[in-house]
């Protein structure tokens, strides 16, 4: 059993290093205005409300064309980049 447990943990630890850094950064950016690109084509700005390992939630959102919305939920896997605007 310990062999089975240690092998997956080793793989998980390597893949979890980047999300840990992302978690640290996004935690400090909560409540601030950010910009992000989704799937390379769409860019949005908004206030970072919350996030987890799967999604990011923005409030008071606008896209590059000027469309506005109250909130946006984006899968982290679909985000190309995130920029702090404040």
N, C-alpha and C. Protein backbone atom coordinates (compact mmCIF):
# COMPACT_ATOMS: atom_id res chain seq x y z
N UNK A 1 0.81 -1.19 0.00
CA UNK A 1 0.00 0.00 0.00
C UNK A 1 0.86 1.25 0.00
N UNK A 2 1.91 1.25 0.79
CA UNK A 2 2.72 2.46 0.84
C UNK A 2 3.40 2.73 -0.49
N UNK A 3 3.75 1.68 -1.25
CA UNK A 3 4.32 1.87 -2.58
C UNK A 3 3.32 2.51 -3.52
N UNK A 4 2.04 2.08 -3.44
CA UNK A 4 1.01 2.66 -4.28
C UNK A 4 0.76 4.12 -3.92
N UNK A 5 0.80 4.44 -2.64
CA UNK A 5 0.52 5.79 -2.19
C UNK A 5 1.67 6.73 -2.55
N UNK A 6 2.92 6.26 -2.41
CA UNK A 6 4.04 7.15 -2.63
C UNK A 6 4.23 7.47 -4.11
N UNK A 7 3.94 6.54 -5.00
CA UNK A 7 4.11 6.79 -6.43
C UNK A 7 3.18 7.89 -6.94
N UNK A 8 1.86 7.82 -6.70
CA UNK A 8 0.99 8.90 -7.16
C UNK A 8 1.32 10.23 -6.50
N UNK A 9 1.71 10.20 -5.24
CA UNK A 9 2.02 11.45 -4.56
C UNK A 9 3.20 12.14 -5.22
N UNK A 10 4.19 11.37 -5.65
CA UNK A 10 5.34 11.97 -6.31
C UNK A 10 4.93 12.70 -7.57
N UNK A 11 4.06 12.09 -8.39
CA UNK A 11 3.57 12.73 -9.60
C UNK A 11 2.72 13.94 -9.28
N UNK A 12 1.89 13.84 -8.26
CA UNK A 12 1.01 14.96 -7.91
C UNK A 12 1.81 16.14 -7.39
N UNK A 13 2.85 15.89 -6.62
CA UNK A 13 3.64 16.99 -6.07
C UNK A 13 4.26 17.82 -7.17
N UNK A 14 4.75 17.18 -8.22
CA UNK A 14 5.36 17.94 -9.31
C UNK A 14 4.31 18.78 -10.02
N UNK A 15 3.11 18.23 -10.25
CA UNK A 15 2.09 19.00 -10.96
C UNK A 15 1.44 20.05 -10.07
N UNK A 16 1.56 19.90 -8.76
CA UNK A 16 0.95 20.86 -7.85
C UNK A 16 1.84 22.06 -7.55
N UNK A 17 3.12 22.03 -7.93
CA UNK A 17 4.01 23.14 -7.62
C UNK A 17 3.55 24.42 -8.29
N UNK A 18 3.20 24.38 -9.55
CA UNK A 18 2.75 25.57 -10.26
C UNK A 18 1.43 26.09 -9.70
N UNK A 19 0.41 25.25 -9.48
CA UNK A 19 -0.82 25.78 -8.88
C UNK A 19 -0.57 26.42 -7.51
N UNK A 20 0.36 25.92 -6.73
CA UNK A 20 0.64 26.54 -5.44
C UNK A 20 1.13 27.97 -5.64
N UNK A 21 1.99 28.21 -6.61
CA UNK A 21 2.46 29.55 -6.89
C UNK A 21 1.31 30.41 -7.41
N UNK A 22 0.51 29.85 -8.31
CA UNK A 22 -0.65 30.56 -8.83
C UNK A 22 -1.60 30.92 -7.70
N UNK A 23 -1.84 29.99 -6.79
CA UNK A 23 -2.71 30.25 -5.64
C UNK A 23 -2.19 31.41 -4.80
N UNK A 24 -0.90 31.44 -4.54
CA UNK A 24 -0.30 32.52 -3.75
C UNK A 24 -0.52 33.88 -4.41
N UNK A 25 -0.25 33.92 -5.71
CA UNK A 25 -0.37 35.18 -6.44
C UNK A 25 -1.82 35.63 -6.51
N UNK A 26 -2.72 34.73 -6.91
CA UNK A 26 -4.12 35.11 -7.03
C UNK A 26 -4.71 35.51 -5.68
N UNK A 27 -4.26 34.92 -4.62
CA UNK A 27 -4.75 35.29 -3.29
C UNK A 27 -4.42 36.75 -2.99
N UNK A 28 -3.22 37.20 -3.38
CA UNK A 28 -2.85 38.60 -3.15
C UNK A 28 -3.58 39.54 -4.11
N UNK A 29 -4.08 39.02 -5.22
CA UNK A 29 -4.78 39.83 -6.22
C UNK A 29 -6.28 39.90 -5.98
N UNK A 30 -6.81 39.15 -5.02
CA UNK A 30 -8.25 39.18 -4.74
C UNK A 30 -8.71 40.60 -4.45
N UNK A 31 -9.85 40.99 -5.05
CA UNK A 31 -10.39 42.32 -4.85
C UNK A 31 -9.77 43.39 -5.72
N UNK A 32 -8.79 43.02 -6.54
CA UNK A 32 -8.12 43.97 -7.43
C UNK A 32 -8.56 43.73 -8.87
N UNK A 33 -8.39 44.76 -9.71
CA UNK A 33 -8.75 44.65 -11.12
C UNK A 33 -7.66 43.90 -11.87
N UNK A 34 -8.07 42.89 -12.63
CA UNK A 34 -7.15 42.11 -13.43
C UNK A 34 -7.66 42.03 -14.87
N UNK A 35 -6.77 41.64 -15.76
CA UNK A 35 -7.14 41.33 -17.14
C UNK A 35 -6.71 39.89 -17.38
N UNK A 36 -7.47 39.18 -18.20
CA UNK A 36 -7.09 37.82 -18.55
C UNK A 36 -7.50 37.51 -19.97
N UNK A 37 -6.76 36.60 -20.59
CA UNK A 37 -7.07 36.15 -21.95
C UNK A 37 -7.57 34.72 -21.87
N UNK A 38 -8.69 34.47 -22.55
CA UNK A 38 -9.31 33.15 -22.55
C UNK A 38 -9.17 32.55 -23.94
N UNK A 39 -8.58 31.39 -24.01
CA UNK A 39 -8.41 30.65 -25.27
C UNK A 39 -7.75 31.48 -26.36
N UNK A 40 -6.94 32.44 -25.99
CA UNK A 40 -6.15 33.20 -26.94
C UNK A 40 -6.89 34.31 -27.68
N UNK A 41 -8.22 34.24 -27.77
CA UNK A 41 -8.97 35.20 -28.58
C UNK A 41 -9.66 36.28 -27.77
N UNK A 42 -10.16 35.94 -26.61
CA UNK A 42 -11.00 36.85 -25.83
C UNK A 42 -10.25 37.37 -24.61
N UNK A 43 -10.28 38.68 -24.43
CA UNK A 43 -9.68 39.29 -23.25
C UNK A 43 -10.76 39.97 -22.43
N UNK A 44 -10.63 39.86 -21.12
CA UNK A 44 -11.60 40.44 -20.19
C UNK A 44 -10.88 41.16 -19.07
N UNK A 45 -11.52 42.19 -18.52
CA UNK A 45 -11.05 42.83 -17.30
C UNK A 45 -12.16 42.74 -16.27
N UNK A 46 -11.77 42.73 -15.02
CA UNK A 46 -12.75 42.69 -13.95
C UNK A 46 -12.07 42.57 -12.60
N UNK A 47 -12.87 42.59 -11.56
CA UNK A 47 -12.37 42.46 -10.19
C UNK A 47 -12.31 40.98 -9.85
N UNK A 48 -11.15 40.51 -9.42
CA UNK A 48 -11.00 39.11 -9.04
C UNK A 48 -11.76 38.86 -7.74
N UNK A 49 -12.84 38.11 -7.82
CA UNK A 49 -13.64 37.82 -6.64
C UNK A 49 -13.13 36.59 -5.90
N UNK A 50 -12.92 35.49 -6.65
CA UNK A 50 -12.49 34.25 -6.02
C UNK A 50 -11.92 33.31 -7.07
N UNK A 51 -11.32 32.23 -6.60
CA UNK A 51 -10.73 31.22 -7.49
C UNK A 51 -10.55 29.93 -6.71
N UNK A 52 -10.42 28.85 -7.45
CA UNK A 52 -9.99 27.58 -6.87
C UNK A 52 -9.12 26.88 -7.90
N UNK A 53 -8.89 25.59 -7.75
CA UNK A 53 -8.00 24.90 -8.68
C UNK A 53 -8.61 24.75 -10.07
N UNK A 54 -9.92 25.02 -10.22
CA UNK A 54 -10.57 24.83 -11.51
C UNK A 54 -11.05 26.11 -12.18
N UNK A 55 -11.49 27.11 -11.41
CA UNK A 55 -12.11 28.30 -12.00
C UNK A 55 -11.61 29.59 -11.37
N UNK A 56 -11.83 30.68 -12.12
CA UNK A 56 -11.60 32.04 -11.63
C UNK A 56 -12.93 32.78 -11.80
N UNK A 57 -13.30 33.58 -10.79
CA UNK A 57 -14.54 34.36 -10.86
C UNK A 57 -14.19 35.84 -10.84
N UNK A 58 -14.67 36.56 -11.87
CA UNK A 58 -14.50 38.01 -11.95
C UNK A 58 -15.85 38.69 -11.78
N UNK A 59 -15.84 39.88 -11.19
CA UNK A 59 -17.04 40.72 -11.09
C UNK A 59 -16.80 42.01 -11.85
N UNK A 60 -17.90 42.71 -12.21
CA UNK A 60 -17.81 43.97 -12.96
C UNK A 60 -16.90 43.81 -14.17
N UNK A 61 -17.31 42.91 -15.06
CA UNK A 61 -16.49 42.45 -16.17
C UNK A 61 -16.74 43.28 -17.43
N UNK A 62 -15.68 43.46 -18.21
CA UNK A 62 -15.79 44.07 -19.54
C UNK A 62 -14.86 43.30 -20.47
N UNK A 63 -15.28 43.17 -21.74
CA UNK A 63 -14.40 42.57 -22.73
C UNK A 63 -13.78 43.68 -23.59
N UNK A 64 -12.93 43.29 -24.53
CA UNK A 64 -12.21 44.30 -25.32
C UNK A 64 -13.13 45.10 -26.24
N UNK A 65 -14.29 44.56 -26.56
CA UNK A 65 -15.24 45.25 -27.43
C UNK A 65 -16.08 46.25 -26.64
N UNK A 66 -16.10 46.11 -25.32
CA UNK A 66 -16.87 47.02 -24.49
C UNK A 66 -18.12 46.39 -23.88
N UNK A 67 -18.39 45.14 -24.19
CA UNK A 67 -19.52 44.45 -23.55
C UNK A 67 -19.25 44.35 -22.06
N UNK A 68 -20.30 44.55 -21.27
CA UNK A 68 -20.15 44.52 -19.81
C UNK A 68 -21.04 43.44 -19.22
N UNK A 69 -20.59 42.90 -18.08
CA UNK A 69 -21.36 41.91 -17.36
C UNK A 69 -21.10 42.02 -15.88
N UNK A 70 -22.00 41.46 -15.10
CA UNK A 70 -21.85 41.50 -13.63
C UNK A 70 -20.81 40.51 -13.14
N UNK A 71 -20.71 39.35 -13.82
CA UNK A 71 -19.76 38.33 -13.37
C UNK A 71 -19.34 37.44 -14.53
N UNK A 72 -18.18 36.81 -14.38
CA UNK A 72 -17.65 35.89 -15.38
C UNK A 72 -16.96 34.75 -14.65
N UNK A 73 -17.24 33.53 -15.07
CA UNK A 73 -16.55 32.35 -14.54
C UNK A 73 -15.74 31.76 -15.69
N UNK A 74 -14.45 31.55 -15.45
CA UNK A 74 -13.55 31.02 -16.48
C UNK A 74 -12.80 29.82 -15.90
N UNK A 75 -12.70 28.75 -16.69
CA UNK A 75 -11.89 27.61 -16.29
C UNK A 75 -10.42 28.00 -16.37
N UNK A 76 -9.66 27.68 -15.35
CA UNK A 76 -8.24 28.03 -15.31
C UNK A 76 -7.50 27.41 -16.50
N UNK A 77 -7.90 26.21 -16.92
CA UNK A 77 -7.24 25.56 -18.06
C UNK A 77 -7.40 26.35 -19.35
N UNK A 78 -8.42 27.21 -19.43
CA UNK A 78 -8.69 27.99 -20.64
C UNK A 78 -8.00 29.36 -20.64
N UNK A 79 -7.34 29.72 -19.54
CA UNK A 79 -6.70 31.03 -19.41
C UNK A 79 -5.27 30.97 -19.95
N UNK A 80 -4.95 31.92 -20.86
CA UNK A 80 -3.60 32.00 -21.40
C UNK A 80 -2.68 32.85 -20.53
N UNK A 81 -3.21 33.97 -20.05
CA UNK A 81 -2.43 34.85 -19.18
C UNK A 81 -3.35 35.66 -18.29
N UNK A 82 -2.78 36.14 -17.18
CA UNK A 82 -3.50 36.99 -16.24
C UNK A 82 -2.58 38.16 -15.90
N UNK A 83 -3.15 39.38 -15.92
CA UNK A 83 -2.36 40.59 -15.64
C UNK A 83 -3.03 41.40 -14.54
N UNK A 84 -2.24 41.85 -13.57
CA UNK A 84 -2.73 42.73 -12.52
C UNK A 84 -2.76 44.16 -13.07
N UNK A 85 -3.91 44.83 -12.99
CA UNK A 85 -4.05 46.17 -13.54
C UNK A 85 -3.92 47.25 -12.50
N UNK A 86 -4.11 46.95 -11.23
CA UNK A 86 -4.02 47.96 -10.17
C UNK A 86 -2.67 47.92 -9.51
